[in-house]
Structure formats: C-alpha cells, structure tokens
C-alpha cells in the first residue's frame, strides 16, 4: 500500500466502499474504518501505520 488508490483497493477487499463526493469526509470515514479493522485484528500494525500515513498525506493536500 503506497498510494491513496492502493488503500481504497485494499478497503474493497473488506467490502468497504467510501465515496461521498467530499474528500475531507471520505478521509474521516476511511480513518474510522481503518481503526475498526485494526481493533478487530484484520489490519496489522504495519498496515495501520501505512494507511494512516497515506491519509495524513492526503489531508495535507487539501
């Protein structure tokens, strides 16, 4: 997982499709979903860190 697109594709494997038309809201919802996956043990610590870094990078672009 290196890009926002990669992250969205990874989320699709869990049946999660996030698109509201508002990029900031999409990032917020994505953050919550990733935290849920981490708590349930479906995301490793490394995957979680990568995902959060991607989200932070995308937020900085806004």
N, C-alpha and C. Protein backbone atom coordinates (compact mmCIF):
# COMPACT_ATOMS: atom_id res chain seq x y z
N UNK A 1 0.84 -1.17 0.00
CA UNK A 1 0.00 0.00 0.00
C UNK A 1 0.89 1.24 0.00
N UNK A 2 0.90 1.95 -1.12
CA UNK A 2 1.74 3.13 -1.21
C UNK A 2 0.96 4.39 -1.55
N UNK A 3 -0.22 4.23 -2.14
CA UNK A 3 -0.99 5.39 -2.56
C UNK A 3 -2.40 5.33 -2.02
N UNK A 4 -3.10 6.44 -2.14
CA UNK A 4 -4.50 6.51 -1.71
C UNK A 4 -5.33 5.49 -2.48
N UNK A 5 -5.06 5.37 -3.76
CA UNK A 5 -5.77 4.40 -4.59
C UNK A 5 -5.54 2.98 -4.08
N UNK A 6 -4.30 2.64 -3.74
CA UNK A 6 -3.98 1.32 -3.19
C UNK A 6 -4.77 1.07 -1.91
N UNK A 7 -4.88 2.10 -1.08
CA UNK A 7 -5.61 1.98 0.18
C UNK A 7 -7.09 1.71 -0.09
N UNK A 8 -7.67 2.44 -1.03
CA UNK A 8 -9.08 2.22 -1.37
C UNK A 8 -9.31 0.81 -1.92
N UNK A 9 -8.37 0.32 -2.72
CA UNK A 9 -8.48 -1.03 -3.25
C UNK A 9 -8.40 -2.07 -2.13
N UNK A 10 -7.54 -1.82 -1.17
CA UNK A 10 -7.41 -2.73 0.00
C UNK A 10 -8.70 -2.75 0.80
N UNK A 11 -9.33 -1.59 0.93
CA UNK A 11 -10.58 -1.50 1.69
C UNK A 11 -11.70 -2.27 0.98
N UNK A 12 -11.66 -2.31 -0.33
CA UNK A 12 -12.67 -3.05 -1.08
C UNK A 12 -12.65 -4.53 -0.76
N UNK A 13 -11.48 -5.06 -0.38
CA UNK A 13 -11.40 -6.49 -0.04
C UNK A 13 -12.21 -6.80 1.21
N UNK A 14 -12.51 -5.76 2.00
CA UNK A 14 -13.34 -5.92 3.20
C UNK A 14 -14.77 -5.47 2.96
N UNK A 15 -15.09 -5.15 1.70
CA UNK A 15 -16.45 -4.73 1.37
C UNK A 15 -16.72 -3.28 1.72
N UNK A 16 -15.68 -2.49 1.86
CA UNK A 16 -15.83 -1.08 2.22
C UNK A 16 -15.59 -0.20 1.01
N UNK A 17 -16.61 0.54 0.61
CA UNK A 17 -16.53 1.49 -0.48
C UNK A 17 -16.88 2.86 0.08
N UNK A 18 -15.95 3.78 0.05
CA UNK A 18 -16.18 5.10 0.63
C UNK A 18 -16.05 6.15 -0.47
N UNK A 19 -17.17 6.79 -0.79
CA UNK A 19 -17.16 7.92 -1.69
C UNK A 19 -18.41 8.75 -1.42
N UNK A 20 -18.21 9.93 -0.88
CA UNK A 20 -19.34 10.81 -0.57
C UNK A 20 -19.34 12.04 -1.47
N UNK A 21 -18.26 12.25 -2.20
CA UNK A 21 -18.13 13.44 -3.01
C UNK A 21 -17.40 14.56 -2.28
N UNK A 22 -17.18 14.36 -0.99
CA UNK A 22 -16.46 15.32 -0.16
C UNK A 22 -15.18 14.64 0.31
N UNK A 23 -14.05 15.06 -0.23
CA UNK A 23 -12.77 14.38 0.04
C UNK A 23 -12.44 14.36 1.54
N UNK A 24 -12.69 15.46 2.23
CA UNK A 24 -12.38 15.53 3.65
C UNK A 24 -13.22 14.53 4.44
N UNK A 25 -14.50 14.43 4.11
CA UNK A 25 -15.37 13.47 4.78
C UNK A 25 -14.97 12.04 4.44
N UNK A 26 -14.58 11.82 3.19
CA UNK A 26 -14.10 10.48 2.79
C UNK A 26 -12.91 10.06 3.64
N UNK A 27 -11.98 10.97 3.86
CA UNK A 27 -10.78 10.67 4.65
C UNK A 27 -11.14 10.39 6.11
N UNK A 28 -12.11 11.13 6.64
CA UNK A 28 -12.56 10.91 8.02
C UNK A 28 -13.21 9.54 8.16
N UNK A 29 -14.09 9.21 7.24
CA UNK A 29 -14.74 7.90 7.28
C UNK A 29 -13.73 6.77 7.09
N UNK A 30 -12.78 6.97 6.22
CA UNK A 30 -11.74 5.98 5.98
C UNK A 30 -10.89 5.76 7.23
N UNK A 31 -10.58 6.83 7.92
CA UNK A 31 -9.82 6.73 9.17
C UNK A 31 -10.56 5.88 10.19
N UNK A 32 -11.84 6.14 10.35
CA UNK A 32 -12.64 5.37 11.32
C UNK A 32 -12.72 3.89 10.93
N UNK A 33 -12.87 3.63 9.65
CA UNK A 33 -12.96 2.25 9.18
C UNK A 33 -11.63 1.51 9.40
N UNK A 34 -10.53 2.18 9.15
CA UNK A 34 -9.21 1.57 9.36
C UNK A 34 -8.98 1.29 10.83
N UNK A 35 -9.38 2.20 11.69
CA UNK A 35 -9.25 1.96 13.14
C UNK A 35 -10.07 0.74 13.56
N UNK A 36 -11.26 0.59 12.99
CA UNK A 36 -12.09 -0.58 13.30
C UNK A 36 -11.42 -1.87 12.85
N UNK A 37 -10.84 -1.83 11.66
CA UNK A 37 -10.14 -3.03 11.16
C UNK A 37 -8.93 -3.36 12.03
N UNK A 38 -8.23 -2.36 12.50
CA UNK A 38 -7.08 -2.58 13.38
C UNK A 38 -7.53 -3.20 14.70
N UNK A 39 -8.60 -2.66 15.28
CA UNK A 39 -9.09 -3.18 16.55
C UNK A 39 -9.60 -4.62 16.42
N UNK A 40 -10.14 -4.94 15.26
CA UNK A 40 -10.64 -6.31 15.07
C UNK A 40 -9.53 -7.28 14.65
N UNK A 41 -8.32 -6.76 14.44
CA UNK A 41 -7.20 -7.62 14.12
C UNK A 41 -7.03 -7.93 12.64
N UNK A 42 -7.78 -7.26 11.79
CA UNK A 42 -7.68 -7.51 10.36
C UNK A 42 -6.57 -6.71 9.69
N UNK A 43 -6.13 -5.64 10.35
CA UNK A 43 -5.00 -4.84 9.87
C UNK A 43 -3.86 -5.02 10.85
N UNK A 44 -2.68 -5.30 10.33
CA UNK A 44 -1.50 -5.38 11.19
C UNK A 44 -1.08 -3.97 11.59
N UNK A 45 -0.18 -3.89 12.53
CA UNK A 45 0.33 -2.59 12.97
C UNK A 45 1.02 -1.87 11.82
N UNK A 46 1.76 -2.60 11.01
CA UNK A 46 2.45 -2.00 9.87
C UNK A 46 1.45 -1.48 8.84
N UNK A 47 0.42 -2.27 8.52
CA UNK A 47 -0.60 -1.82 7.58
C UNK A 47 -1.33 -0.60 8.10
N UNK A 48 -1.63 -0.61 9.39
CA UNK A 48 -2.31 0.52 10.01
C UNK A 48 -1.46 1.78 9.89
N UNK A 49 -0.18 1.66 10.18
CA UNK A 49 0.73 2.81 10.10
C UNK A 49 0.82 3.34 8.67
N UNK A 50 0.93 2.44 7.71
CA UNK A 50 0.99 2.85 6.31
C UNK A 50 -0.29 3.57 5.90
N UNK A 51 -1.42 3.01 6.28
CA UNK A 51 -2.71 3.60 5.93
C UNK A 51 -2.86 4.99 6.54
N UNK A 52 -2.48 5.14 7.79
CA UNK A 52 -2.61 6.44 8.44
C UNK A 52 -1.67 7.46 7.81
N UNK A 53 -0.49 7.03 7.39
CA UNK A 53 0.45 7.93 6.73
C UNK A 53 -0.12 8.41 5.39
N UNK A 54 -0.75 7.51 4.67
CA UNK A 54 -1.37 7.87 3.39
C UNK A 54 -2.50 8.88 3.63
N UNK A 55 -3.31 8.64 4.64
CA UNK A 55 -4.41 9.54 4.94
C UNK A 55 -3.90 10.92 5.35
N UNK A 56 -2.86 10.95 6.17
CA UNK A 56 -2.28 12.24 6.59
C UNK A 56 -1.73 13.00 5.38
N UNK A 57 -1.11 12.28 4.47
CA UNK A 57 -0.58 12.90 3.26
C UNK A 57 -1.71 13.50 2.42
N UNK A 58 -2.80 12.74 2.28
CA UNK A 58 -3.94 13.22 1.51
C UNK A 58 -4.60 14.45 2.18
N UNK A 59 -4.67 14.42 3.50
CA UNK A 59 -5.25 15.57 4.23
C UNK A 59 -4.39 16.82 4.03
N UNK A 60 -3.08 16.63 3.97
CA UNK A 60 -2.20 17.78 3.78
C UNK A 60 -2.38 18.40 2.39
N UNK A 61 -2.83 17.62 1.44
CA UNK A 61 -3.07 18.13 0.08
C UNK A 61 -4.33 19.00 0.00
N UNK A 62 -5.22 18.83 0.99
CA UNK A 62 -6.45 19.63 0.98
C UNK A 62 -6.10 21.01 1.38
